[in-house]
Protein backbone atom coordinates (compact mmCIF):
# COMPACT_ATOMS: atom_id res chain seq x y z
CA MET A 1 0.00 0.00 0.00
CA ASN A 2 1.11 3.55 -0.71
CA PRO A 3 3.08 4.91 2.31
CA THR A 4 1.12 8.17 2.18
CA VAL A 5 -2.17 6.30 2.43
CA LEU A 6 -0.81 4.23 5.30
CA PHE A 7 0.27 7.39 7.10
CA LEU A 8 -3.17 9.01 6.68
CA VAL A 9 -4.87 5.86 7.92
CA ALA A 10 -2.56 5.84 10.92
CA MET A 11 -3.42 9.48 11.72
CA LEU A 12 -7.11 8.60 11.48
CA LEU A 13 -6.51 5.80 13.97
CA VAL A 14 -4.79 8.28 16.30
CA ILE A 15 -7.98 10.35 16.25
CA VAL A 16 -10.05 7.23 16.97
CA ASN A 17 -7.73 6.44 19.86
CA GLY A 18 -8.26 9.97 21.18
CA PHE A 19 -12.01 9.39 20.96
CA PHE A 20 -11.84 6.38 23.28
CA VAL A 21 -9.51 8.21 25.68
CA ALA A 22 -11.84 11.22 25.81
CA VAL A 23 -14.84 8.98 26.50
CA GLU A 24 -13.02 7.20 29.31
CA PHE A 25 -11.89 10.33 31.15
CA SER A 26 -15.10 12.29 30.58
CA LEU A 27 -17.15 9.49 32.14
CA MET A 28 -14.88 9.46 35.17
CA ALA A 29 -14.93 13.26 35.56
CA VAL A 30 -18.54 14.09 34.73
CA ARG A 31 -21.02 14.79 37.55
CA ARG A 32 -23.99 12.47 37.47
CA THR A 33 -26.27 14.97 39.22
CA GLN A 34 -25.61 17.58 36.55
CA MET A 35 -26.26 15.06 33.79
CA GLU A 36 -29.55 14.06 35.41
CA GLU A 37 -30.63 17.71 35.52
CA LEU A 38 -29.71 18.13 31.85
CA ALA A 39 -31.54 14.91 30.99
CA GLU A 40 -34.71 16.22 32.65
CA SER A 41 -34.36 19.35 30.52
CA GLY A 42 -33.95 17.26 27.36
CA VAL A 43 -30.41 18.42 26.56
CA PHE A 44 -28.78 16.47 23.73
CA GLY A 45 -26.75 13.43 24.80
CA SER A 46 -27.42 13.78 28.52
CA ARG A 47 -29.73 10.75 28.75
CA GLN A 48 -27.13 8.55 27.07
CA VAL A 49 -24.49 9.77 29.51
CA VAL A 50 -26.71 8.92 32.49
CA LYS A 51 -27.28 5.46 30.99
CA ALA A 52 -23.53 4.96 30.52
CA LEU A 53 -22.81 6.05 34.09
CA GLY A 54 -25.10 3.26 35.28
CA SER A 55 -22.71 0.66 33.81
CA ILE A 56 -19.42 2.48 34.14
CA ASN A 57 -17.25 -0.65 34.26
CA VAL A 58 -18.70 -1.93 30.97
CA GLN A 59 -18.10 1.46 29.35
CA LEU A 60 -14.51 1.60 30.58
CA ALA A 61 -13.89 -1.96 29.43
CA ALA A 62 -15.15 -1.05 25.96
CA SER A 63 -13.01 2.08 25.78
CA GLN A 64 -9.95 0.12 26.92
CA LEU A 65 -10.66 -2.46 24.24
CA GLY A 66 -10.85 0.28 21.63
CA ILE A 67 -7.64 1.93 22.85
CA SER A 68 -5.72 -1.35 22.83
CA VAL A 69 -6.87 -2.43 19.37
CA VAL A 70 -6.29 0.99 17.82
CA SER A 71 -2.85 1.32 19.43
CA LEU A 72 -1.78 -2.02 17.95
CA LEU A 73 -3.09 -1.01 14.52
CA ILE A 74 -1.24 2.31 14.66
CA GLY A 75 2.04 0.58 15.45
CA TRP A 76 1.44 -2.06 12.81
CA LEU A 77 0.72 0.51 10.09
CA ILE A 78 3.02 3.45 10.73
CA GLU A 79 6.14 1.78 12.08
CA PRO A 80 6.97 -0.02 8.79
CA VAL A 81 6.45 3.22 6.86
CA ILE A 82 8.93 5.12 9.03
CA SER A 83 11.40 2.22 9.08
CA SER A 84 11.27 1.97 5.29
CA ALA A 85 11.87 5.69 4.96
CA PHE A 86 15.00 5.46 7.11
CA VAL A 87 16.26 2.46 5.15
CA HIS A 88 16.03 4.51 1.94
CA LEU A 89 17.61 7.51 3.67
CA LEU A 90 20.55 5.60 5.12
CA GLY A 91 20.86 3.00 2.39
CA GLY A 92 23.63 4.92 0.59
CA LEU A 93 25.87 4.84 3.64
CA ASN A 94 28.39 2.11 4.26
CA ILE A 95 26.20 0.48 6.93
CA SER A 96 24.86 -3.03 6.91
CA ILE A 97 21.22 -3.37 6.04
CA GLY A 98 20.52 -5.08 9.39
CA VAL A 99 21.83 -2.09 11.35
CA VAL A 100 19.86 0.31 9.15
CA ARG A 101 16.65 -1.67 9.70
CA ALA A 102 17.28 -1.75 13.46
CA ILE A 103 17.85 2.03 13.56
CA GLY A 104 14.74 2.60 11.46
CA PHE A 105 12.69 0.34 13.73
CA VAL A 106 13.80 2.13 16.90
CA ILE A 107 13.25 5.61 15.46
CA GLY A 108 9.94 4.58 13.92
CA LEU A 109 8.74 3.10 17.20
CA ALA A 110 9.79 6.25 19.09
CA LEU A 111 7.91 8.50 16.66
CA VAL A 112 4.83 6.31 16.80
CA ALA A 113 4.90 6.37 20.60
CA PHE A 114 5.36 10.16 20.62
CA VAL A 115 2.48 10.84 18.23
CA HIS A 116 0.26 8.32 19.98
CA MET A 117 1.04 9.69 23.45
CA VAL A 118 0.59 13.38 22.58
CA LEU A 119 -2.23 13.36 20.03
CA GLY A 120 -3.91 10.13 21.01
CA GLU A 121 -3.66 10.39 24.80
CA MET A 122 -2.65 13.72 26.34
CA VAL A 123 -4.65 16.11 24.16
CA PRO A 124 -8.00 14.25 24.36
CA ARG A 125 -7.50 13.61 28.07
CA SER A 126 -6.97 17.32 28.74
CA ILE A 127 -10.06 18.20 26.71
CA ALA A 128 -12.17 15.61 28.55
CA LEU A 129 -11.04 16.75 31.99
CA THR A 130 -11.52 20.43 31.14
CA THR A 131 -15.03 20.05 29.66
CA PRO A 132 -16.28 16.64 30.85
CA GLU A 133 -20.01 17.38 30.47
CA THR A 134 -19.77 18.65 26.90
CA THR A 135 -17.28 15.95 25.87
CA ALA A 136 -19.43 13.18 27.32
CA ARG A 137 -22.66 14.48 25.76
CA PHE A 138 -21.19 14.46 22.25
CA LEU A 139 -19.03 11.33 22.40
CA VAL A 140 -20.81 8.87 24.69
CA PRO A 141 -23.82 8.35 22.35
CA ILE A 142 -21.38 7.18 19.65
CA HIS A 143 -19.50 5.07 22.18
CA LEU A 144 -22.71 3.28 23.15
CA TRP A 145 -23.00 2.05 19.56
CA PHE A 146 -19.48 0.64 19.82
CA VAL A 147 -20.39 -1.07 23.10
CA ALA A 148 -23.46 -2.63 21.49
CA ALA A 149 -21.44 -3.84 18.49
CA THR A 150 -18.74 -5.44 20.63
CA ARG A 151 -20.96 -6.49 23.54
CA PRO A 152 -19.93 -10.19 23.69
CA LEU A 153 -16.23 -9.35 23.78
CA VAL A 154 -16.76 -6.43 26.17
CA ARG A 155 -18.83 -8.59 28.50
CA ALA A 156 -16.12 -11.24 28.50
CA LEU A 157 -13.43 -8.69 29.31
CA HIS A 158 -15.65 -7.12 31.95
CA GLY A 159 -16.21 -10.50 33.59
CA LEU A 160 -12.49 -11.27 33.60
CA GLY A 161 -11.80 -7.87 35.12
CA ARG A 162 -14.34 -8.42 37.91
CA ALA A 163 -12.90 -11.86 38.64
CA GLY A 164 -9.39 -10.42 38.83
CA THR A 165 -10.60 -7.68 41.16
CA ARG A 166 -12.18 -10.21 43.51
CA LEU A 167 -8.94 -12.21 43.56
CA VAL A 168 -7.24 -9.32 45.35
CA GLY A 169 -10.09 -9.00 47.86
CA VAL A 170 -11.93 -6.02 46.37
CA GLU A 171 -15.60 -6.14 45.41
CA PRO A 172 -16.08 -4.35 42.05
CA ILE A 173 -18.85 -1.80 41.51
CA ASP A 174 -20.74 -0.76 38.40
CA GLU A 175 -21.06 2.91 39.34
CA LEU A 176 -18.51 5.43 40.51
CA ALA A 177 -18.87 6.49 44.14
CA ARG A 178 -20.00 10.14 44.25
CA SER A 179 -20.80 10.55 47.94
CA HIS A 180 -18.78 12.87 50.18
CA THR A 181 -18.39 13.25 53.91
CA ALA A 182 -19.29 16.53 55.63
CA ALA A 183 -15.57 17.32 55.99
CA GLU A 184 -15.02 16.74 52.26
CA LEU A 185 -18.02 18.91 51.40
CA ALA A 186 -16.62 21.67 53.62
CA VAL A 187 -13.36 21.54 51.65
CA LEU A 188 -15.33 21.70 48.39
CA VAL A 189 -17.23 24.73 49.67
CA ASP A 190 -13.98 26.50 50.59
CA GLU A 191 -12.59 25.77 47.13
CA ALA A 192 -15.79 27.01 45.47
CA SER A 193 -15.65 30.18 47.56
CA ALA A 194 -11.99 30.76 46.68
CA SER A 195 -12.88 30.33 43.00
CA GLY A 196 -15.74 32.82 43.26
CA PHE A 197 -18.57 30.35 42.59
CA ILE A 198 -20.26 31.11 45.93
CA ASN A 199 -20.17 34.29 47.99
CA PRO A 200 -18.91 34.54 51.61
CA ILE A 201 -22.43 34.53 53.06
CA GLU A 202 -23.31 31.30 51.26
CA ARG A 203 -19.98 29.82 52.35
CA ASP A 204 -20.64 30.65 56.01
CA LEU A 205 -24.16 29.23 55.86
CA LEU A 206 -22.96 25.98 54.34
CA ALA A 207 -20.07 25.73 56.78
CA GLY A 208 -22.50 26.20 59.67
CA ALA A 209 -24.79 23.51 58.29
CA PHE A 210 -21.91 21.03 57.95
CA SER A 211 -20.79 21.57 61.55
CA PHE A 212 -24.34 21.71 62.95
CA LEU A 213 -24.62 18.00 63.78
CA ASN A 214 -21.33 18.10 65.70
CA VAL A 215 -22.45 20.90 68.05
CA ARG A 216 -23.97 19.95 71.41
CA VAL A 217 -26.71 21.64 73.42
CA GLY A 218 -24.23 22.61 76.12
CA ASP A 219 -22.30 24.66 73.57
CA VAL A 220 -25.21 26.98 72.72
CA MET A 221 -27.54 26.97 75.74
CA THR A 222 -28.15 29.92 78.04
CA PRO A 223 -26.95 28.94 81.56
CA SER A 224 -29.53 28.88 84.35
CA SER A 225 -27.85 31.82 86.11
CA LYS A 226 -28.85 34.10 83.23
CA LEU A 227 -32.43 32.91 82.80
CA VAL A 228 -35.46 35.10 83.44
CA THR A 229 -37.98 33.29 85.66
CA ILE A 230 -41.18 33.93 87.58
CA PRO A 231 -42.79 31.83 90.33
CA HIS A 232 -45.94 29.90 89.51
CA THR A 233 -47.73 32.00 92.14
CA ALA A 234 -47.01 35.28 90.31
CA THR A 235 -49.89 37.54 89.34
CA VAL A 236 -50.61 38.64 85.80
CA GLY A 237 -49.31 42.11 86.58
CA GLN A 238 -46.08 40.75 88.05
CA ALA A 239 -45.53 38.59 84.98
CA GLU A 240 -46.09 41.58 82.69
CA LYS A 241 -43.67 43.70 84.68
CA ARG A 242 -41.05 40.94 84.68
CA MET A 243 -41.26 40.64 80.90
CA ALA A 244 -41.20 44.39 80.37
CA ASP A 245 -38.17 44.84 82.61
CA SER A 246 -36.22 41.96 81.06
CA GLY A 247 -37.11 42.63 77.43
CA HIS A 248 -37.87 38.94 76.85
CA SER A 249 -41.02 37.63 75.21
CA ARG A 250 -40.75 34.31 77.08
CA VAL A 251 -40.03 33.60 80.75
CA LEU A 252 -39.77 30.33 82.65
CA VAL A 253 -42.45 29.54 85.21
CA MET A 254 -40.85 27.86 88.21
CA GLY A 255 -42.39 25.59 90.84
CA ALA A 256 -41.61 25.30 94.51
CA SER A 257 -37.94 24.37 94.02
CA ALA A 258 -35.19 25.90 91.90
CA ASP A 259 -35.13 22.84 89.63
CA GLN A 260 -38.88 22.46 89.18
CA VAL A 261 -39.76 23.99 85.82
CA ILE A 262 -43.49 24.04 85.15
CA GLY A 263 -43.14 25.50 81.67
CA PHE A 264 -42.77 28.89 80.06
CA LEU A 265 -45.00 31.89 79.60
CA HIS A 266 -45.25 33.72 76.28
CA ALA A 267 -45.93 37.44 76.01
CA LYS A 268 -48.75 37.04 73.50
CA ASP A 269 -50.63 34.85 75.98
CA LEU A 270 -50.50 37.71 78.49
CA ILE A 271 -51.60 40.21 75.86
CA ALA A 272 -54.67 38.06 75.23
CA LEU A 273 -55.76 38.57 78.88
CA THR A 274 -57.27 41.98 78.15
CA ASP A 275 -60.19 41.69 80.62
CA PHE A 276 -58.31 39.79 83.32
CA ASP A 277 -57.58 41.37 86.72
CA ARG A 278 -53.83 42.10 86.89
CA ASP A 279 -53.80 41.36 90.63
CA LEU A 280 -55.01 37.79 90.20
CA PRO A 281 -52.60 34.84 89.83
CA LEU A 282 -51.79 33.54 86.39
CA PRO A 283 -54.76 31.54 85.08
CA ARG A 284 -54.45 27.80 84.93
CA GLY A 285 -53.42 26.48 81.52
CA ILE A 286 -51.66 29.64 80.36
CA THR A 287 -48.23 28.10 80.89
CA ARG A 288 -46.83 26.29 77.87
CA ALA A 289 -45.03 22.97 78.18
CA ALA A 290 -41.32 22.83 77.41
CA LEU A 291 -39.13 20.02 76.12
CA TRP A 292 -36.48 18.43 78.32
CA VAL A 293 -33.06 17.81 76.82
CA GLY A 294 -29.58 16.97 78.02
CA PRO A 295 -26.48 19.15 77.52
CA GLY A 296 -24.76 16.40 75.55
CA GLU A 297 -27.49 15.98 72.94
CA ALA A 298 -26.70 16.93 69.35
CA LEU A 299 -28.44 20.01 67.97
CA GLY A 300 -29.76 18.02 65.04
CA ASP A 301 -31.62 15.64 67.36
CA VAL A 302 -33.01 18.51 69.44
CA LEU A 303 -34.17 20.35 66.32
CA LEU A 304 -36.01 17.24 65.16
CA ARG A 305 -37.71 16.89 68.55
CA MET A 306 -38.71 20.56 68.54
CA ARG A 307 -40.27 20.22 65.10
CA ARG A 308 -42.21 17.12 66.09
CA ALA A 309 -43.46 18.64 69.36
CA ARG A 310 -43.97 22.11 67.85
CA ARG A 311 -41.93 23.70 70.65
CA HIS A 312 -39.44 26.55 70.44
CA VAL A 313 -37.97 26.15 73.92
CA ALA A 314 -36.24 23.26 75.67
CA VAL A 315 -35.08 23.09 79.30
CA VAL A 316 -31.62 21.57 79.73
CA LEU A 317 -31.37 19.07 82.58
CA GLU A 318 -28.27 17.35 83.91
CA SER A 319 -28.54 14.78 86.71
CA GLY A 320 -32.06 16.02 87.45
CA HIS A 321 -31.00 19.65 87.86
CA MET A 322 -31.79 22.50 85.47
CA VAL A 323 -28.56 23.83 84.01
CA GLY A 324 -29.86 26.04 81.23
CA LEU A 325 -32.26 26.74 78.41
CA VAL A 326 -31.97 26.30 74.65
CA THR A 327 -34.30 27.87 72.10
CA LEU A 328 -34.95 27.36 68.43
CA GLU A 329 -33.08 30.61 67.84
CA ASP A 330 -30.00 29.16 69.55
CA LEU A 331 -30.09 26.23 67.15
CA LEU A 332 -30.47 28.48 64.11
CA GLU A 333 -27.63 30.73 65.28
CA ALA A 334 -25.34 27.69 65.19
CA ILE A 335 -25.88 27.76 61.42
CA VAL A 336 -26.43 31.38 60.43
CA GLY A 337 -24.67 33.26 63.23
CA ASP A 338 -26.08 35.81 65.67
CA ILE A 339 -29.74 36.79 65.29
CA ASN A 340 -30.94 39.95 67.01
CA ASP A 341 -34.28 39.56 68.76
CA GLU A 342 -36.14 40.64 71.87
CA SER A 343 -33.43 39.20 74.10
CA ASP A 344 -30.93 41.74 72.85
CA LEU A 345 -30.72 45.02 74.69
CA LEU A 346 -32.78 47.84 73.26
CA GLU A 347 -30.55 50.58 71.93
CA ALA A 348 -32.51 53.80 71.92
CA ILE A 349 -31.31 57.30 71.22
CA SER A 350 -33.70 59.97 72.31
CA THR A 351 -33.43 63.35 70.65
CA ARG A 352 -35.16 66.56 71.76
CA MET A 353 -37.55 67.44 68.97
CA PRO A 354 -40.51 69.80 68.69
CA ARG A 355 -44.06 68.82 69.65
CA ARG A 356 -42.98 66.09 72.14
CA VAL A 357 -41.58 63.78 69.46
CA VAL A 358 -39.04 61.14 70.50
CA ARG A 359 -36.75 59.38 68.02
CA ALA A 360 -35.66 55.89 69.04
CA ARG A 361 -34.01 52.85 67.47
CA GLY A 362 -35.48 49.42 68.34
CA SER A 363 -38.60 47.32 67.89
CA SER A 364 -41.98 48.96 68.49
CA VAL A 365 -42.86 46.15 70.93
CA LYS A 366 -39.83 46.90 73.09
CA LEU A 367 -40.48 50.61 72.93
CA ARG A 368 -44.09 50.13 73.97
CA ARG A 369 -43.02 48.01 76.95
CA ARG A 370 -40.43 50.53 78.07
CA THR A 371 -42.85 53.49 77.84
CA GLN A 372 -45.92 51.90 79.44
CA LYS A 373 -45.18 53.45 82.87
CA GLY A 374 -46.62 56.89 83.25
CA HIS A 375 -47.97 56.95 79.71
CA LYS A 376 -51.13 58.96 79.35
CA ASP A 377 -53.67 58.00 76.78
CA GLY A 378 -53.64 60.27 73.82
CA PRO A 379 -52.89 60.40 70.13
CA SER A 380 -49.56 58.90 69.18
CA ARG A 381 -47.83 57.80 66.01
CA THR A 382 -44.97 55.43 65.29
CA GLY A 383 -42.85 55.15 62.18
CA GLY A 384 -40.39 52.57 60.88
């Protein structure tokens, strides 16, 4: 056959070899979740990629078969052409024909290996790793036809490969493992943030979510020494005053002993007692039940219990003694950071203004509580 034709055929085989290499590396680098999203949207080639990912070992066996066969054909075709060219080039020299053929064989083999390695391996591999989704979408559908055409041989090779894997004590799988631990996901989030794919706020939220299950109640609870409480014998007026003075919308209702927690009282329950005598004790049933948790419990477990019981407050007990209180806000702050609410001190700046106007910064609820004493009924107006 004409050497030029042989050379062109060999270059075509190099391209075919690159095809199999690109398929192999794109399947290993592509994200299945992204392909599934694209498949749901009907994007070209994505369904075939998802199908191929479901039998990854068969696909890799087929691509390895293609690479091996094509590599042998390249060497078989192009090496004689290069060797023959060197024989003609060096034939006029006073060198034995055996030495010339040996030199031509070595040089020809080196050139074949160089072309095959660069054009048939490195270039397609770089393309596949740089754009795995696009590469897989366009090449895998064609590769599936090759798998179907060579299925008996591919199945045989796949079976031999699985048997060899079991011989060394490893159970083969048909899909690549894509799961990550929380620590690995945290590293991925940091890398995504450094690359600009997510902003710092998103990074902090995700980091808080990853560490959430490792945080214990004792790490976020409010200790008992800082809790606002009222006795179960308190009157409605005393409870209102206690809430107004503390700035809290919830207070614990205590029994006869320091460790006997009856429940908690919410401000909106007091507000509902519009026609109730403020000098009478708190009505029966107004106290809300609280959950009981231990300081060593994980926040994730406590959050689940709060959701099931529809409670926002949990009393922390250790060895039968109350050691603190944890709220739903405390749990959320472990993820998102500090949240300002009624428990934070009211920061108000009063400025002398005409017509008895006061400017203040804070919630209207807090302001109303702080100004209830000595307030005379009359027209008033608030603004945000």
